[in-house]
Amino acid sequence: MAEISFDDFLQVDIRVGQITRAEPYPEARKPAIKLWVDLGPELGEKKSSAQITKHYTPEDLPGKKVIAVVNFPPRQIGKFMSEILVLGVPDADDEVVLLTPDKDVPIGGRMY
């Protein structure tokens, strides 16, 4: 992977948000869940499609805080417009585990 400068890194806007709503997305090519994430008063609520069905159900997710990239261009995922990228890391079976703060932090906070 190519090295980037710290200035390049600062261009990626990564924020904490709270999932307000989650729905199954059976129309997606790979199993996914539609998410609505509140990113605070500055950014409001944004949508994302996430392939997280191995560890999460739509009922588990409302109220959960997540970390997301908020300044990528929107991306059409089937009939759903994904506006942010919710971040995760692979477990031992290469399934997505969401990144989340380990303390209670206000939504909308930018990572630094």
Protein backbone atom coordinates (compact mmCIF):
# COMPACT_ATOMS: atom_id res chain seq x y z
CA MET A 1 0.00 0.00 0.00
CA ALA A 2 1.32 3.45 -0.88
CA GLU A 3 2.39 5.86 1.84
CA ILE A 4 0.32 8.98 2.30
CA SER A 5 1.20 12.23 4.00
CA PHE A 6 -0.36 13.42 7.23
CA ASP A 7 -2.04 16.18 5.19
CA ASP A 8 -3.64 13.47 3.02
CA PHE A 9 -4.94 11.76 6.16
CA LEU A 10 -6.42 15.03 7.45
CA GLN A 11 -8.58 15.21 4.31
CA VAL A 12 -10.54 12.13 5.45
CA ASP A 13 -13.40 13.29 7.69
CA ILE A 14 -14.09 10.49 10.20
CA ARG A 15 -16.85 11.08 12.76
CA VAL A 16 -18.78 9.30 15.47
CA GLY A 17 -22.47 8.81 14.86
CA GLN A 18 -25.36 6.97 16.44
CA ILE A 19 -27.55 4.56 14.53
CA THR A 20 -31.15 5.75 14.69
CA ARG A 21 -32.72 3.17 12.41
CA ALA A 22 -31.75 -0.11 10.72
CA GLU A 23 -33.59 -2.21 8.17
CA PRO A 24 -32.81 -5.42 6.30
CA TYR A 25 -31.66 -4.89 2.72
CA PRO A 26 -32.62 -8.13 0.97
CA GLU A 27 -32.27 -6.56 -2.51
CA ALA A 28 -28.50 -6.06 -2.06
CA ARG A 29 -26.17 -8.41 -3.98
CA LYS A 30 -24.44 -9.39 -0.72
CA PRO A 31 -26.40 -9.56 2.57
CA ALA A 32 -26.57 -6.05 4.02
CA ILE A 33 -28.41 -3.79 6.44
CA LYS A 34 -29.59 -0.25 5.67
CA LEU A 35 -28.50 2.18 8.38
CA TRP A 36 -29.55 5.71 9.28
CA VAL A 37 -26.85 7.39 11.36
CA ASP A 38 -27.22 10.64 13.31
CA LEU A 39 -23.96 12.59 13.02
CA GLY A 40 -25.02 15.54 15.15
CA PRO A 41 -26.33 19.02 14.35
CA GLU A 42 -23.58 19.92 11.85
CA LEU A 43 -24.13 16.94 9.51
CA GLY A 44 -27.54 15.57 10.50
CA GLU A 45 -28.70 12.09 9.61
CA LYS A 46 -26.99 10.15 6.80
CA LYS A 47 -27.65 6.72 5.27
CA SER A 48 -25.34 3.78 4.72
CA SER A 49 -25.57 0.22 3.44
CA ALA A 50 -23.40 -2.12 5.51
CA GLN A 51 -22.50 -5.79 4.97
CA ILE A 52 -22.66 -6.60 8.68
CA THR A 53 -25.27 -9.37 8.81
CA LYS A 54 -23.03 -12.04 10.38
CA HIS A 55 -22.71 -10.23 13.72
CA TYR A 56 -25.66 -7.81 13.75
CA THR A 57 -29.39 -7.74 13.15
CA PRO A 58 -31.43 -4.61 12.42
CA GLU A 59 -32.99 -4.92 15.88
CA ASP A 60 -29.54 -4.84 17.58
CA LEU A 61 -28.33 -1.62 15.98
CA PRO A 62 -30.47 1.41 16.94
CA GLY A 63 -28.66 3.36 19.67
CA LYS A 64 -25.23 1.91 18.80
CA LYS A 65 -22.44 4.42 18.23
CA VAL A 66 -20.28 3.86 15.15
CA ILE A 67 -17.34 5.45 13.36
CA ALA A 68 -17.86 6.61 9.76
CA VAL A 69 -16.17 8.43 6.90
CA VAL A 70 -18.50 11.29 6.04
CA ASN A 71 -16.80 13.03 3.12
CA PHE A 72 -16.81 10.35 0.41
CA PRO A 73 -19.22 11.06 -2.45
CA PRO A 74 -22.59 9.26 -2.15
CA ARG A 75 -22.66 5.81 -3.73
CA GLN A 76 -25.65 4.04 -5.24
CA ILE A 77 -26.00 0.54 -3.73
CA GLY A 78 -28.84 -1.04 -5.68
CA LYS A 79 -31.86 1.20 -5.12
CA PHE A 80 -30.36 2.69 -1.94
CA MET A 81 -28.09 5.77 -1.85
CA SER A 82 -25.27 5.27 0.66
CA GLU A 83 -24.01 8.65 1.91
CA ILE A 84 -21.35 7.59 4.43
CA LEU A 85 -18.99 4.66 4.97
CA VAL A 86 -19.48 3.01 8.36
CA LEU A 87 -16.13 1.51 9.38
CA GLY A 88 -15.36 -1.98 10.59
CA VAL A 89 -12.56 -4.50 10.83
CA PRO A 90 -12.51 -8.23 9.99
CA ASP A 91 -12.81 -10.90 12.65
CA ALA A 92 -10.95 -14.24 12.39
CA ASP A 93 -13.51 -15.41 9.78
CA ASP A 94 -13.19 -12.18 7.73
CA GLU A 95 -16.62 -10.95 8.85
CA VAL A 96 -17.17 -7.26 9.65
CA VAL A 97 -17.07 -6.04 13.25
CA LEU A 98 -18.09 -2.39 13.58
CA LEU A 99 -15.67 0.18 14.96
CA THR A 100 -17.18 1.95 17.95
CA PRO A 101 -15.87 4.25 20.68
CA ASP A 102 -15.12 2.49 23.98
CA LYS A 103 -16.34 5.47 26.04
CA ASP A 104 -19.50 7.57 25.80
CA VAL A 105 -18.68 10.42 23.43
CA PRO A 106 -20.90 13.06 21.81
CA ILE A 107 -22.09 12.30 18.30
CA GLY A 108 -20.57 14.34 15.49
CA GLY A 109 -17.08 14.37 17.04
CA ARG A 110 -14.30 14.24 14.47
CA MET A 111 -11.52 11.70 14.87
CA TYR A 112 -8.04 13.04 15.56
